[in-house]
Amino acid sequence: MNEALIGLMSKDIETIIAYADSNMKLNVAAAELGIGYKALDGRLNSIHKRSKLNPRKFRDLAKLLRIVEESWEE
């Protein structure tokens, strides 16, 4: 299992997917998740802290998506 995936919970995975699907738009992703944009901002900060990948940066978000996809294949 990838080190970045360790510690990520199902809500983190939902957050990563919703954020990517919204083209990295906080308000759109927050509405999709049914939370406020400040709560989403907190989730993204938490994901960054635990995974060492910043989902606000396109390359890191792409890495997180690839990690999530690979974990589903296992």
Protein backbone atom coordinates (compact mmCIF):
# COMPACT_ATOMS: atom_id res chain seq x y z
CA MET A 1 0.00 0.00 0.00
CA ASN A 2 1.27 3.45 -0.88
CA GLU A 3 2.51 5.52 2.06
CA ALA A 4 0.36 8.49 1.01
CA LEU A 5 -2.77 6.34 1.28
CA ILE A 6 -2.04 5.25 4.84
CA GLY A 7 -4.30 7.16 7.19
CA LEU A 8 -6.72 8.33 4.52
CA MET A 9 -10.31 7.52 5.40
CA SER A 10 -13.28 6.95 3.13
CA LYS A 11 -14.38 10.57 3.59
CA ASP A 12 -10.92 11.66 2.42
CA ILE A 13 -11.27 9.54 -0.70
CA GLU A 14 -14.74 11.01 -1.35
CA THR A 15 -13.27 14.47 -0.85
CA ILE A 16 -10.41 13.85 -3.29
CA ILE A 17 -12.79 12.54 -5.95
CA ALA A 18 -15.35 15.34 -5.49
CA TYR A 19 -12.64 18.00 -5.59
CA ALA A 20 -11.18 16.57 -8.78
CA ASP A 21 -14.62 16.15 -10.39
CA SER A 22 -15.39 19.81 -9.63
CA ASN A 23 -12.25 20.95 -11.50
CA MET A 24 -10.72 21.93 -8.16
CA LYS A 25 -13.49 24.40 -7.30
CA LEU A 26 -14.13 24.54 -3.56
CA ASN A 27 -17.74 25.74 -3.72
CA VAL A 28 -18.77 23.12 -6.28
CA ALA A 29 -17.06 20.25 -4.45
CA ALA A 30 -18.44 21.39 -1.08
CA ALA A 31 -21.99 21.45 -2.49
CA GLU A 32 -21.49 17.97 -3.96
CA LEU A 33 -20.33 16.68 -0.59
CA GLY A 34 -23.06 18.53 1.30
CA ILE A 35 -20.61 20.48 3.46
CA GLY A 36 -19.49 24.10 3.69
CA TYR A 37 -16.47 25.29 1.76
CA LYS A 38 -14.60 25.94 5.04
CA ALA A 39 -15.17 22.31 6.06
CA LEU A 40 -13.85 21.21 2.67
CA ASP A 41 -10.84 23.48 3.13
CA GLY A 42 -10.20 21.76 6.47
CA ARG A 43 -10.46 18.32 4.88
CA LEU A 44 -7.99 19.30 2.15
CA ASN A 45 -5.58 20.61 4.82
CA SER A 46 -5.92 17.34 6.72
CA ILE A 47 -5.28 15.27 3.59
CA HIS A 48 -2.20 17.37 2.84
CA LYS A 49 -0.87 16.98 6.39
CA ARG A 50 -1.34 13.20 6.48
CA SER A 51 -0.41 12.26 2.91
CA LYS A 52 2.31 14.89 2.32
CA LEU A 53 0.56 15.60 -1.01
CA ASN A 54 -1.27 18.89 -1.46
CA PRO A 55 -4.58 18.26 -3.26
CA ARG A 56 -4.72 21.97 -4.18
CA LYS A 57 -1.79 21.41 -6.54
CA PHE A 58 -2.78 19.72 -9.77
CA ARG A 59 0.15 17.29 -9.84
CA ASP A 60 -0.39 16.21 -6.25
CA LEU A 61 -4.13 15.83 -6.85
CA ALA A 62 -3.36 13.65 -9.88
CA LYS A 63 -1.04 11.52 -7.71
CA LEU A 64 -3.73 11.17 -5.05
CA LEU A 65 -6.27 10.11 -7.67
CA ARG A 66 -3.85 7.53 -9.06
CA ILE A 67 -3.19 6.20 -5.55
CA VAL A 68 -6.93 5.94 -4.87
CA GLU A 69 -7.49 4.17 -8.19
CA GLU A 70 -4.66 1.71 -7.54
CA SER A 71 -6.03 0.93 -4.08
CA TRP A 72 -9.40 -0.01 -5.63
CA GLU A 73 -7.65 -2.44 -7.98
CA GLU A 74 -6.00 -4.34 -5.11
